[in-house]
Amino acid sequence: MKNKLSQLERIRARLHDRGMITRNECLRNFITRCAARIIDLEKQDYVFRTEETGADFIYYLVSINGVTYLNAAQRAQMLKENDERLAWFDNYQTPAKV
């Protein structure tokens, strides 16, 4: 028999992967108590920003245990900016002394 993930584990995995989850997405995946699972995560120091869009709610992951969440695109952008900063330092030449 396969190990099945709990509703909380499935929501947590989706949040870590995409940084957001919607109530309708949960319903399509047989998670009927999305808001209750979000509250369970908040008790574990997850922080969310919630947006209501007509007939749906979107839960955006803001931070976990005080650490700001960055999705894959944000992490890639941060690494690119850091590489550019390091390249600047590598190419910097100290002014010649007179």
Protein backbone atom coordinates (compact mmCIF):
# COMPACT_ATOMS: atom_id res chain seq x y z
CA MET A 1 0.00 0.00 0.00
CA LYS A 2 1.28 3.47 -0.91
CA ASN A 3 1.96 6.09 1.73
CA LYS A 4 -0.55 8.87 1.17
CA LEU A 5 0.26 12.43 2.13
CA SER A 6 -2.10 14.13 4.52
CA GLN A 7 -3.98 17.25 3.41
CA LEU A 8 -1.58 19.37 5.45
CA GLU A 9 1.47 17.71 3.88
CA ARG A 10 0.07 18.21 0.36
CA ILE A 11 -0.65 21.88 1.01
CA ARG A 12 2.79 22.38 2.59
CA ALA A 13 4.50 20.75 -0.42
CA ARG A 14 2.55 22.94 -2.86
CA LEU A 15 3.41 26.08 -0.89
CA HIS A 16 7.11 25.22 -0.79
CA ASP A 17 7.03 24.54 -4.53
CA ARG A 18 4.96 27.50 -5.79
CA GLY A 19 4.61 29.86 -2.84
CA MET A 20 0.83 29.98 -3.16
CA ILE A 21 -2.27 27.85 -3.21
CA THR A 22 -5.91 28.57 -3.96
CA ARG A 23 -9.03 27.28 -2.27
CA ASN A 24 -10.40 26.02 -5.59
CA GLU A 25 -7.14 24.17 -6.28
CA CYS A 26 -7.54 22.47 -2.90
CA LEU A 27 -11.13 21.52 -3.69
CA ARG A 28 -10.06 20.00 -7.03
CA ASN A 29 -7.56 17.87 -5.10
CA PHE A 30 -10.10 16.69 -2.51
CA ILE A 31 -8.88 19.02 0.24
CA THR A 32 -12.16 20.36 1.54
CA ARG A 33 -10.93 22.30 4.58
CA CYS A 34 -8.22 24.49 3.06
CA ALA A 35 -8.72 27.39 5.51
CA ALA A 36 -8.43 25.02 8.48
CA ARG A 37 -5.16 23.63 7.10
CA ILE A 38 -3.85 27.19 6.57
CA ILE A 39 -4.64 27.91 10.23
CA ASP A 40 -2.76 24.73 11.19
CA LEU A 41 0.26 26.04 9.25
CA GLU A 42 -0.02 29.46 10.87
CA LYS A 43 0.28 27.71 14.24
CA GLN A 44 3.61 26.37 12.89
CA ASP A 45 4.85 29.94 12.21
CA TYR A 46 3.86 30.13 8.56
CA VAL A 47 2.74 33.65 7.56
CA PHE A 48 0.34 34.20 4.65
CA ARG A 49 -1.05 37.07 2.62
CA THR A 50 -4.60 36.28 1.54
CA GLU A 51 -6.33 37.64 -1.53
CA GLU A 52 -10.00 37.20 -2.39
CA THR A 53 -10.71 37.04 -6.10
CA GLY A 54 -14.46 36.74 -6.53
CA ALA A 55 -15.25 33.08 -5.92
CA ASP A 56 -11.78 32.05 -4.80
CA PHE A 57 -9.17 32.74 -2.14
CA ILE A 58 -5.44 32.77 -2.83
CA TYR A 59 -3.04 32.11 0.03
CA TYR A 60 0.46 33.48 -0.65
CA LEU A 61 3.30 32.23 1.54
CA VAL A 62 5.15 35.22 3.03
CA SER A 63 7.50 33.62 5.55
CA ILE A 64 8.24 30.47 7.52
CA ASN A 65 9.59 30.79 11.07
CA GLY A 66 10.46 34.43 10.41
CA VAL A 67 12.40 33.68 7.21
CA THR A 68 11.02 35.39 4.10
CA TYR A 69 9.88 32.92 1.46
CA LEU A 70 11.31 33.35 -2.04
CA ASN A 71 9.88 31.39 -4.93
CA ALA A 72 12.15 29.92 -7.60
CA ALA A 73 12.00 33.01 -9.85
CA GLN A 74 12.83 35.32 -6.94
CA ARG A 75 15.74 33.10 -5.87
CA ALA A 76 17.08 33.05 -9.44
CA GLN A 77 16.85 36.85 -9.66
CA MET A 78 18.63 37.26 -6.32
CA LEU A 79 21.44 34.92 -7.42
CA LYS A 80 21.81 36.80 -10.72
CA GLU A 81 22.07 40.14 -8.88
CA ASN A 82 24.64 38.70 -6.49
CA ASP A 83 26.69 37.36 -9.42
CA GLU A 84 26.61 40.82 -11.02
CA ARG A 85 27.81 42.43 -7.78
CA LEU A 86 30.64 39.92 -7.46
CA ALA A 87 31.64 40.47 -11.09
CA TRP A 88 31.87 44.20 -10.40
CA PHE A 89 34.25 43.54 -7.50
CA ASP A 90 36.30 41.12 -9.60
CA ASN A 91 36.71 43.78 -12.31
CA TYR A 92 37.37 46.67 -9.93
CA GLN A 93 40.84 48.10 -10.15
CA THR A 94 42.21 50.24 -7.39
CA PRO A 95 43.25 53.71 -8.52
CA ALA A 96 46.97 54.16 -9.11
CA LYS A 97 48.77 56.08 -6.40
CA VAL A 98 50.34 59.30 -7.50
